[in-house]
PDB file of all heavy atoms in Angstrom:
ATOM      1  N   LEU A   1      41.916-106.668  42.659  1.00  0.00           N
ATOM      2  CA  LEU A   1      42.658-105.906  43.752  1.00  0.00           C
ATOM      3  C   LEU A   1      43.745-105.196  43.154  1.00  0.00           C
ATOM      4  O   LEU A   1      44.490-105.730  42.226  1.00  0.00           O
ATOM      5  CB  LEU A   1      43.231-106.827  44.763  1.00  0.00           C
ATOM      6  CG  LEU A   1      42.344-107.687  45.660  1.00  0.00           C
ATOM      7  CD1 LEU A   1      43.096-108.660  46.398  1.00  0.00           C
ATOM      8  CD2 LEU A   1      41.523-106.747  46.609  1.00  0.00           C
ATOM      9  N   SER A   2      44.104-103.980  43.565  1.00  0.00           N
ATOM     10  CA  SER A   2      45.257-103.337  43.217  1.00  0.00           C
ATOM     11  C   SER A   2      46.389-103.855  44.143  1.00  0.00           C
ATOM     12  O   SER A   2      46.146-104.441  45.232  1.00  0.00           O
ATOM     13  CB  SER A   2      45.170-101.729  43.433  1.00  0.00           C
ATOM     14  OG  SER A   2      44.715-101.462  44.759  1.00  0.00           O
ATOM     15  N   ARG A   3      47.660-103.614  43.700  1.00  0.00           N
ATOM     16  CA  ARG A   3      48.716-104.203  44.329  1.00  0.00           C
ATOM     17  C   ARG A   3      48.863-103.684  45.795  1.00  0.00           C
ATOM     18  O   ARG A   3      49.248-104.527  46.560  1.00  0.00           O
ATOM     19  CB  ARG A   3      50.084-103.888  43.552  1.00  0.00           C
ATOM     20  CG  ARG A   3      51.251-104.565  44.062  1.00  0.00           C
ATOM     21  CD  ARG A   3      52.453-104.107  43.159  1.00  0.00           C
ATOM     22  NE  ARG A   3      52.247-104.488  41.811  1.00  0.00           N
ATOM     23  CZ  ARG A   3      52.992-105.301  41.087  1.00  0.00           C
ATOM     24  NH1 ARG A   3      54.145-105.715  41.597  1.00  0.00           N
ATOM     25  NH2 ARG A   3      52.643-105.629  39.809  1.00  0.00           N
ATOM     26  N   ASP A   4      48.572-102.440  46.043  1.00  0.00           N
ATOM     27  CA  ASP A   4      48.693-101.966  47.420  1.00  0.00           C
ATOM     28  C   ASP A   4      47.727-102.696  48.365  1.00  0.00           C
ATOM     29  O   ASP A   4      48.137-103.016  49.449  1.00  0.00           O
ATOM     30  CB  ASP A   4      48.461-100.511  47.441  1.00  0.00           C
ATOM     31  CG  ASP A   4      47.095-100.045  47.045  1.00  0.00           C
ATOM     32  OD1 ASP A   4      46.605-100.575  45.981  1.00  0.00           O
ATOM     33  OD2 ASP A   4      46.550 -99.041  47.633  1.00  0.00           O
ATOM     34  N   ILE A   5      46.536-102.984  47.979  1.00  0.00           N
ATOM     35  CA  ILE A   5      45.633-103.478  48.851  1.00  0.00           C
ATOM     36  C   ILE A   5      45.982-105.084  48.968  1.00  0.00           C
ATOM     37  O   ILE A   5      45.877-105.662  50.058  1.00  0.00           O
ATOM     38  CB  ILE A   5      44.141-103.349  48.318  1.00  0.00           C
ATOM     39  CG1 ILE A   5      43.678-101.929  48.499  1.00  0.00           C
ATOM     40  CG2 ILE A   5      43.185-104.300  49.077  1.00  0.00           C
ATOM     41  CD1 ILE A   5      42.263-101.647  48.084  1.00  0.00           C
ATOM     42  N   ALA A   6      46.419-105.623  47.869  1.00  0.00           N
ATOM     43  CA  ALA A   6      46.789-107.026  48.059  1.00  0.00           C
ATOM     44  C   ALA A   6      47.983-107.165  48.992  1.00  0.00           C
ATOM     45  O   ALA A   6      48.065-108.105  49.670  1.00  0.00           O
ATOM     46  CB  ALA A   6      47.231-107.576  46.570  1.00  0.00           C
ATOM     47  N   ALA A   7      48.944-106.323  48.943  1.00  0.00           N
ATOM     48  CA  ALA A   7      50.074-106.359  49.817  1.00  0.00           C
ATOM     49  C   ALA A   7      49.644-106.174  51.232  1.00  0.00           C
ATOM     50  O   ALA A   7      50.173-106.888  52.126  1.00  0.00           O
ATOM     51  CB  ALA A   7      51.109-105.251  49.398  1.00  0.00           C
ATOM     52  N   GLU A   8      48.730-105.184  51.474  1.00  0.00           N
ATOM     53  CA  GLU A   8      48.321-105.047  52.818  1.00  0.00           C
ATOM     54  C   GLU A   8      47.393-106.147  53.369  1.00  0.00           C
ATOM     55  O   GLU A   8      47.602-106.544  54.536  1.00  0.00           O
ATOM     56  CB  GLU A   8      47.504-103.715  52.959  1.00  0.00           C
ATOM     57  CG  GLU A   8      48.319-102.457  52.885  1.00  0.00           C
ATOM     58  CD  GLU A   8      47.715-101.271  53.499  1.00  0.00           C
ATOM     59  OE1 GLU A   8      47.160-101.358  54.557  1.00  0.00           O
ATOM     60  OE2 GLU A   8      47.777-100.299  52.850  1.00  0.00           O
ATOM     61  N   LEU A   9      46.632-106.859  52.466  1.00  0.00           N
ATOM     62  CA  LEU A   9      46.043-108.028  52.870  1.00  0.00           C
ATOM     63  C   LEU A   9      46.977-109.086  53.355  1.00  0.00           C
ATOM     64  O   LEU A   9      46.772-109.782  54.427  1.00  0.00           O
ATOM     65  CB  LEU A   9      45.165-108.642  51.699  1.00  0.00           C
ATOM     66  CG  LEU A   9      43.772-108.103  51.493  1.00  0.00           C
ATOM     67  CD1 LEU A   9      43.249-108.578  50.173  1.00  0.00           C
ATOM     68  CD2 LEU A   9      42.864-108.423  52.615  1.00  0.00           C
ATOM     69  N   SER A  10      48.109-109.207  52.655  1.00  0.00           N
ATOM     70  CA  SER A  10      49.113-110.206  52.915  1.00  0.00           C
ATOM     71  C   SER A  10      49.712-109.809  54.288  1.00  0.00           C
ATOM     72  O   SER A  10      49.919-110.697  55.143  1.00  0.00           O
ATOM     73  CB  SER A  10      50.156-110.254  51.830  1.00  0.00           C
ATOM     74  OG  SER A  10      51.263-111.123  52.210  1.00  0.00           O
ATOM     75  N   ASP A  11      50.026-108.507  54.457  1.00  0.00           N
ATOM     76  CA  ASP A  11      50.778-108.104  55.676  1.00  0.00           C
ATOM     77  C   ASP A  11      49.878-108.258  56.985  1.00  0.00           C
ATOM     78  O   ASP A  11      50.343-108.634  57.929  1.00  0.00           O
ATOM     79  CB  ASP A  11      51.181-106.662  55.575  1.00  0.00           C
ATOM     80  CG  ASP A  11      52.281-106.446  54.565  1.00  0.00           C
ATOM     81  OD1 ASP A  11      52.988-107.389  54.244  1.00  0.00           O
ATOM     82  OD2 ASP A  11      52.416-105.158  54.111  1.00  0.00           O
ATOM     83  N   ASP A  12      48.542-108.145  56.774  1.00  0.00           N
ATOM     84  CA  ASP A  12      47.602-108.219  57.887  1.00  0.00           C
ATOM     85  C   ASP A  12      46.877-109.569  57.917  1.00  0.00           C
ATOM     86  O   ASP A  12      45.898-109.696  58.690  1.00  0.00           O
ATOM     87  CB  ASP A  12      46.578-107.142  57.567  1.00  0.00           C
ATOM     88  CG  ASP A  12      47.052-105.805  57.917  1.00  0.00           C
ATOM     89  OD1 ASP A  12      48.323-105.662  58.350  1.00  0.00           O
ATOM     90  OD2 ASP A  12      46.192-104.807  57.838  1.00  0.00           O
ATOM     91  N   ALA A  13      47.444-110.573  57.241  1.00  0.00           N
ATOM     92  CA  ALA A  13      46.736-111.861  57.199  1.00  0.00           C
ATOM     93  C   ALA A  13      46.465-112.441  58.592  1.00  0.00           C
ATOM     94  O   ALA A  13      45.355-112.957  58.821  1.00  0.00           O
ATOM     95  CB  ALA A  13      47.523-112.863  56.408  1.00  0.00           C
ATOM     96  N   ALA A  14      47.316-112.466  59.479  1.00  0.00           N
ATOM     97  CA  ALA A  14      47.213-112.977  60.800  1.00  0.00           C
ATOM     98  C   ALA A  14      46.000-112.271  61.575  1.00  0.00           C
ATOM     99  O   ALA A  14      45.142-112.946  62.172  1.00  0.00           O
ATOM    100  CB  ALA A  14      48.450-112.884  61.598  1.00  0.00           C
ATOM    101  N   ALA A  15      45.957-110.976  61.489  1.00  0.00           N
ATOM    102  CA  ALA A  15      44.924-110.223  62.118  1.00  0.00           C
ATOM    103  C   ALA A  15      43.449-110.512  61.452  1.00  0.00           C
ATOM    104  O   ALA A  15      42.549-110.672  62.148  1.00  0.00           O
ATOM    105  CB  ALA A  15      45.191-108.764  62.044  1.00  0.00           C
ATOM    106  N   ILE A  16      43.568-110.633  60.102  1.00  0.00           N
ATOM    107  CA  ILE A  16      42.249-110.869  59.373  1.00  0.00           C
ATOM    108  C   ILE A  16      41.763-112.341  59.754  1.00  0.00           C
ATOM    109  O   ILE A  16      40.574-112.529  60.176  1.00  0.00           O
ATOM    110  CB  ILE A  16      42.386-110.792  57.937  1.00  0.00           C
ATOM    111  CG1 ILE A  16      42.844-109.494  57.545  1.00  0.00           C
ATOM    112  CG2 ILE A  16      41.199-111.351  57.142  1.00  0.00           C
ATOM    113  CD1 ILE A  16      43.242-109.325  56.059  1.00  0.00           C
ATOM    114  N   ILE A  17      42.661-113.204  59.948  1.00  0.00           N
ATOM    115  CA  ILE A  17      42.303-114.574  60.310  1.00  0.00           C
ATOM    116  C   ILE A  17      41.761-114.650  61.746  1.00  0.00           C
ATOM    117  O   ILE A  17      40.780-115.274  62.107  1.00  0.00           O
ATOM    118  CB  ILE A  17      43.506-115.551  60.114  1.00  0.00           C
ATOM    119  CG1 ILE A  17      43.673-115.735  58.493  1.00  0.00           C
ATOM    120  CG2 ILE A  17      43.232-116.954  60.686  1.00  0.00           C
ATOM    121  CD1 ILE A  17      45.012-116.436  58.198  1.00  0.00           C
ATOM    122  N   SER A  18      42.520-114.043  62.650  1.00  0.00           N
ATOM    123  CA  SER A  18      42.142-114.042  64.098  1.00  0.00           C
ATOM    124  C   SER A  18      40.841-113.393  64.341  1.00  0.00           C
ATOM    125  O   SER A  18      40.116-113.654  65.246  1.00  0.00           O
ATOM    126  CB  SER A  18      43.241-113.550  64.956  1.00  0.00           C
ATOM    127  OG  SER A  18      43.451-112.099  64.730  1.00  0.00           O
ATOM    128  N   SER A  19      40.468-112.332  63.567  1.00  0.00           N
ATOM    129  CA  SER A  19      39.250-111.586  63.673  1.00  0.00           C
ATOM    130  C   SER A  19      38.099-112.248  62.991  1.00  0.00           C
ATOM    131  O   SER A  19      36.915-111.822  63.149  1.00  0.00           O
ATOM    132  CB  SER A  19      39.436-110.142  63.237  1.00  0.00           C
ATOM    133  OG  SER A  19      39.468-110.163  61.800  1.00  0.00           O
ATOM    134  N   ASN A  20      38.308-113.365  62.307  1.00  0.00           N
ATOM    135  CA  ASN A  20      37.217-114.059  61.626  1.00  0.00           C
ATOM    136  C   ASN A  20      36.620-115.178  62.445  1.00  0.00           C
ATOM    137  O   ASN A  20      36.628-116.354  62.052  1.00  0.00           O
ATOM    138  CB  ASN A  20      37.805-114.612  60.319  1.00  0.00           C
ATOM    139  CG  ASN A  20      36.731-115.228  59.387  1.00  0.00           C
ATOM    140  OD1 ASN A  20      35.565-114.844  59.498  1.00  0.00           O
ATOM    141  ND2 ASN A  20      37.089-116.065  58.539  1.00  0.00           N
ATOM    142  N   ASN A  21      36.241-114.707  63.680  1.00  0.00           N
ATOM    143  CA  ASN A  21      35.769-115.752  64.619  1.00  0.00           C
ATOM    144  C   ASN A  21      34.236-116.207  64.311  1.00  0.00           C
ATOM    145  O   ASN A  21      33.890-117.203  64.984  1.00  0.00           O
ATOM    146  CB  ASN A  21      35.865-115.230  66.040  1.00  0.00           C
ATOM    147  CG  ASN A  21      35.043-113.864  66.149  1.00  0.00           C
ATOM    148  OD1 ASN A  21      34.357-113.419  65.263  1.00  0.00           O
ATOM    149  ND2 ASN A  21      35.250-113.248  67.355  1.00  0.00           N
ATOM    150  N   ASP A  22      33.600-115.612  63.354  1.00  0.00           N
ATOM    151  CA  ASP A  22      32.275-116.016  63.104  1.00  0.00           C
ATOM    152  C   ASP A  22      32.266-116.910  61.831  1.00  0.00           C
ATOM    153  O   ASP A  22      31.235-117.260  61.285  1.00  0.00           O
ATOM    154  CB  ASP A  22      31.239-114.920  62.852  1.00  0.00           C
ATOM    155  CG  ASP A  22      31.785-113.906  61.890  1.00  0.00           C
ATOM    156  OD1 ASP A  22      32.975-113.938  61.440  1.00  0.00           O
ATOM    157  OD2 ASP A  22      31.194-112.907  61.592  1.00  0.00           O
ATOM    158  N   ALA A  23      33.487-117.325  61.390  1.00  0.00           N
ATOM    159  CA  ALA A  23      33.740-118.301  60.391  1.00  0.00           C
ATOM    160  C   ALA A  23      32.997-117.961  59.120  1.00  0.00           C
ATOM    161  O   ALA A  23      32.392-118.782  58.347  1.00  0.00           O
ATOM    162  CB  ALA A  23      33.321-119.712  60.858  1.00  0.00           C
ATOM    163  N   VAL A  24      33.005-116.698  58.701  1.00  0.00           N
ATOM    164  CA  VAL A  24      32.485-116.275  57.387  1.00  0.00           C
ATOM    165  C   VAL A  24      33.476-116.716  56.345  1.00  0.00           C
ATOM    166  O   VAL A  24      34.688-116.943  56.589  1.00  0.00           O
ATOM    167  CB  VAL A  24      32.241-114.717  57.287  1.00  0.00           C
ATOM    168  CG1 VAL A  24      31.232-114.328  58.400  1.00  0.00           C
ATOM    169  CG2 VAL A  24      33.568-113.998  57.509  1.00  0.00           C
ATOM    170  N   PRO A  25      33.049-116.883  55.076  1.00  0.00           N
ATOM    171  CA  PRO A  25      33.958-117.277  54.002  1.00  0.00           C
ATOM    172  C   PRO A  25      35.023-116.150  53.800  1.00  0.00           C
ATOM    173  O   PRO A  25      34.932-115.160  54.195  1.00  0.00           O
ATOM    174  CB  PRO A  25      32.985-117.286  52.706  1.00  0.00           C
ATOM    175  CG  PRO A  25      31.622-117.467  53.324  1.00  0.00           C
ATOM    176  CD  PRO A  25      31.680-116.730  54.551  1.00  0.00           C
ATOM    177  N   ASP A  26      36.162-116.600  53.157  1.00  0.00           N
ATOM    178  CA  ASP A  26      37.173-115.838  53.091  1.00  0.00           C
ATOM    179  C   ASP A  26      36.993-114.539  52.302  1.00  0.00           C
ATOM    180  O   ASP A  26      37.520-113.425  52.588  1.00  0.00           O
ATOM    181  CB  ASP A  26      38.472-116.585  52.349  1.00  0.00           C
ATOM    182  CG  ASP A  26      38.115-117.160  50.917  1.00  0.00           C
ATOM    183  OD1 ASP A  26      36.912-117.162  50.582  1.00  0.00           O
ATOM    184  OD2 ASP A  26      39.043-117.587  50.290  1.00  0.00           O
ATOM    185  N   ASP A  27      36.211-114.568  51.233  1.00  0.00           N
ATOM    186  CA  ASP A  27      35.916-113.329  50.473  1.00  0.00           C
ATOM    187  C   ASP A  27      35.174-112.392  51.387  1.00  0.00           C
ATOM    188  O   ASP A  27      35.291-111.090  51.267  1.00  0.00           O
ATOM    189  CB  ASP A  27      35.197-113.553  49.190  1.00  0.00           C
ATOM    190  CG  ASP A  27      33.991-114.475  49.223  1.00  0.00           C
ATOM    191  OD1 ASP A  27      33.554-114.908  50.390  1.00  0.00           O
ATOM    192  OD2 ASP A  27      33.410-114.703  48.201  1.00  0.00           O
ATOM    193  N   VAL A  28      34.277-112.819  52.283  1.00  0.00           N
ATOM    194  CA  VAL A  28      33.582-111.919  53.204  1.00  0.00           C
ATOM    195  C   VAL A  28      34.499-111.384  54.216  1.00  0.00           C
ATOM    196  O   VAL A  28      34.436-110.239  54.536  1.00  0.00           O
ATOM    197  CB  VAL A  28      32.466-112.748  53.883  1.00  0.00           C
ATOM    198  CG1 VAL A  28      31.758-111.819  54.913  1.00  0.00           C
ATOM    199  CG2 VAL A  28      31.401-113.152  52.835  1.00  0.00           C
ATOM    200  N   ALA A  29      35.435-112.152  54.779  1.00  0.00           N
ATOM    201  CA  ALA A  29      36.398-111.661  55.665  1.00  0.00           C
ATOM    202  C   ALA A  29      37.281-110.560  55.069  1.00  0.00           C
ATOM    203  O   ALA A  29      37.576-109.566  55.754  1.00  0.00           O
ATOM    204  CB  ALA A  29      37.325-112.875  56.150  1.00  0.00           C
ATOM    205  N   PHE A  30      37.709-110.785  53.823  1.00  0.00           N
ATOM    206  CA  PHE A  30      38.430-109.761  53.089  1.00  0.00           C
ATOM    207  C   PHE A  30      37.623-108.470  52.958  1.00  0.00           C
ATOM    208  O   PHE A  30      38.107-107.433  53.149  1.00  0.00           O
ATOM    209  CB  PHE A  30      38.898-110.191  51.700  1.00  0.00           C
ATOM    210  CG  PHE A  30      39.844-111.311  51.728  1.00  0.00           C
ATOM    211  CD1 PHE A  30      40.029-112.015  50.452  1.00  0.00           C
ATOM    212  CD2 PHE A  30      40.609-111.636  52.810  1.00  0.00           C
ATOM    213  CE1 PHE A  30      40.956-112.971  50.435  1.00  0.00           C
ATOM    214  CE2 PHE A  30      41.566-112.758  52.751  1.00  0.00           C
ATOM    215  CZ  PHE A  30      41.651-113.345  51.504  1.00  0.00           C
ATOM    216  N   GLY A  31      36.393-108.580  52.569  1.00  0.00           N
ATOM    217  CA  GLY A  31      35.552-107.528  52.379  1.00  0.00           C
ATOM    218  C   GLY A  31      35.251-106.783  53.618  1.00  0.00           C
ATOM    219  O   GLY A  31      35.353-105.495  53.541  1.00  0.00           O
ATOM    220  N   ARG A  32      35.073-107.361  54.693  1.00  0.00           N
ATOM    221  CA  ARG A  32      34.903-106.734  56.006  1.00  0.00           C
ATOM    222  C   ARG A  32      36.121-105.878  56.311  1.00  0.00           C
ATOM    223  O   ARG A  32      36.099-104.729  56.687  1.00  0.00           O
ATOM    224  CB  ARG A  32      34.579-107.667  57.057  1.00  0.00           C
ATOM    225  CG  ARG A  32      34.319-107.019  58.447  1.00  0.00           C
ATOM    226  CD  ARG A  32      33.851-107.947  59.450  1.00  0.00           C
ATOM    227  NE  ARG A  32      34.352-109.385  59.399  1.00  0.00           N
ATOM    228  CZ  ARG A  32      33.728-110.319  59.865  1.00  0.00           C
ATOM    229  NH1 ARG A  32      32.461-110.181  60.390  1.00  0.00           N
ATOM    230  NH2 ARG A  32      34.253-111.561  59.834  1.00  0.00           N
ATOM    231  N   TRP A  33      37.229-106.465  56.170  1.00  0.00           N
ATOM    232  CA  TRP A  33      38.606-105.868  56.484  1.00  0.00           C
ATOM    233  C   TRP A  33      38.812-104.668  55.577  1.00  0.00           C
ATOM    234  O   TRP A  33      39.088-103.510  56.039  1.00  0.00           O
ATOM    235  CB  TRP A  33      39.762-106.851  56.275  1.00  0.00           C
ATOM    236  CG  TRP A  33      41.045-106.331  56.517  1.00  0.00           C
ATOM    237  CD1 TRP A  33      41.761-106.083  57.733  1.00  0.00           C
ATOM    238  CD2 TRP A  33      41.952-105.717  55.542  1.00  0.00           C
ATOM    239  NE1 TRP A  33      42.979-105.554  57.539  1.00  0.00           N
ATOM    240  CE2 TRP A  33      43.199-105.326  56.175  1.00  0.00           C
ATOM    241  CE3 TRP A  33      41.948-105.534  54.248  1.00  0.00           C
ATOM    242  CZ2 TRP A  33      44.204-104.720  55.586  1.00  0.00           C
ATOM    243  CZ3 TRP A  33      42.982-105.047  53.570  1.00  0.00           C
ATOM    244  CH2 TRP A  33      44.114-104.689  54.183  1.00  0.00           C
ATOM    245  N   ILE A  34      38.517-104.825  54.292  1.00  0.00           N
ATOM    246  CA  ILE A  34      38.693-103.685  53.285  1.00  0.00           C
ATOM    247  C   ILE A  34      37.719-102.550  53.568  1.00  0.00           C
ATOM    248  O   ILE A  34      38.039-101.429  53.519  1.00  0.00           O
ATOM    249  CB  ILE A  34      38.561-104.211  51.854  1.00  0.00           C
ATOM    250  CG1 ILE A  34      39.957-105.042  51.530  1.00  0.00           C
ATOM    251  CG2 ILE A  34      38.402-103.017  50.833  1.00  0.00           C
ATOM    252  CD1 ILE A  34      39.798-105.803  50.241  1.00  0.00           C
ATOM    253  N   ALA A  35      36.476-102.917  53.962  1.00  0.00           N
ATOM    254  CA  ALA A  35      35.393-101.951  54.184  1.00  0.00           C
ATOM    255  C   ALA A  35      35.897-101.032  55.440  1.00  0.00           C
ATOM    256  O   ALA A  35      35.682 -99.896  55.507  1.00  0.00           O
ATOM    257  CB  ALA A  35      34.085-102.510  54.553  1.00  0.00           C
ATOM    258  N   ASN A  36      36.320-101.774  56.513  1.00  0.00           N
ATOM    259  CA  ASN A  36      36.839-101.085  57.675  1.00  0.00           C
ATOM    260  C   ASN A  36      38.050-100.202  57.419  1.00  0.00           C
ATOM    261  O   ASN A  36      38.161 -99.123  58.007  1.00  0.00           O
ATOM    262  CB  ASN A  36      37.072-101.998  58.831  1.00  0.00           C
ATOM    263  CG  ASN A  36      35.787-102.480  59.489  1.00  0.00           C
ATOM    264  OD1 ASN A  36      34.838-101.868  59.689  1.00  0.00           O
ATOM    265  ND2 ASN A  36      35.747-103.767  59.697  1.00  0.00           N
ATOM    266  N   LYS A  37      38.963-100.647  56.588  1.00  0.00           N
ATOM    267  CA  LYS A  37      40.187 -99.986  56.441  1.00  0.00           C
ATOM    268  C   LYS A  37      40.119 -98.933  55.355  1.00  0.00           C
ATOM    269  O   LYS A  37      40.768 -97.948  55.461  1.00  0.00           O
ATOM    270  CB  LYS A  37      41.274-101.004  56.080  1.00  0.00           C
ATOM    271  CG  LYS A  37      42.606-100.347  55.989  1.00  0.00           C
ATOM    272  CD  LYS A  37      43.752-101.335  56.317  1.00  0.00           C
ATOM    273  CE  LYS A  37      45.064-100.677  56.367  1.00  0.00           C
ATOM    274  NZ  LYS A  37      46.058-101.403  57.091  1.00  0.00           N
ATOM    275  N   TYR A  38      39.350 -99.203  54.169  1.00  0.00           N
ATOM    276  CA  TYR A  38      39.400 -98.309  53.167  1.00  0.00           C
ATOM    277  C   TYR A  38      38.076 -97.672  52.754  1.00  0.00           C
ATOM    278  O   TYR A  38      38.066 -96.714  51.997  1.00  0.00           O
ATOM    279  CB  TYR A  38      39.905 -99.088  51.879  1.00  0.00           C
ATOM    280  CG  TYR A  38      41.352 -99.485  51.782  1.00  0.00           C
ATOM    281  CD1 TYR A  38      41.598-100.738  52.276  1.00  0.00           C
ATOM    282  CD2 TYR A  38      42.312 -98.627  51.564  1.00  0.00           C
ATOM    283  CE1 TYR A  38      43.026-101.177  52.222  1.00  0.00           C
ATOM    284  CE2 TYR A  38      43.555 -98.972  51.506  1.00  0.00           C
ATOM    285  CZ  TYR A  38      43.983-100.254  51.802  1.00  0.00           C
ATOM    286  OH  TYR A  38      45.285-100.620  51.837  1.00  0.00           O
ATOM    287  N   GLY A  39      37.011 -98.114  53.348  1.00  0.00           N
ATOM    288  CA  GLY A  39      35.713 -97.583  52.891  1.00  0.00           C
ATOM    289  C   GLY A  39      35.543 -96.196  53.375  1.00  0.00           C
ATOM    290  O   GLY A  39      35.962 -95.764  54.499  1.00  0.00           O
ATOM    291  N   ALA A  40      35.048 -95.433  52.497  1.00  0.00           N
ATOM    292  CA  ALA A  40      34.855 -93.974  52.722  1.00  0.00           C
ATOM    293  C   ALA A  40      33.558 -93.782  53.706  1.00  0.00           C
ATOM    294  O   ALA A  40      33.343 -92.696  54.210  1.00  0.00           O
ATOM    295  CB  ALA A  40      34.490 -93.172  51.456  1.00  0.00           C
TER     296      ALA A  40
END
């Protein structure tokens, strides 16, 4: 991860956790969040 994405992951941690209602593993939850936020 670059520092900017790591910082945003930290800032959005509560939202990422609350949206992980299907109990996917943490790396999958991060991937989904990054895909939605940064994916072209």
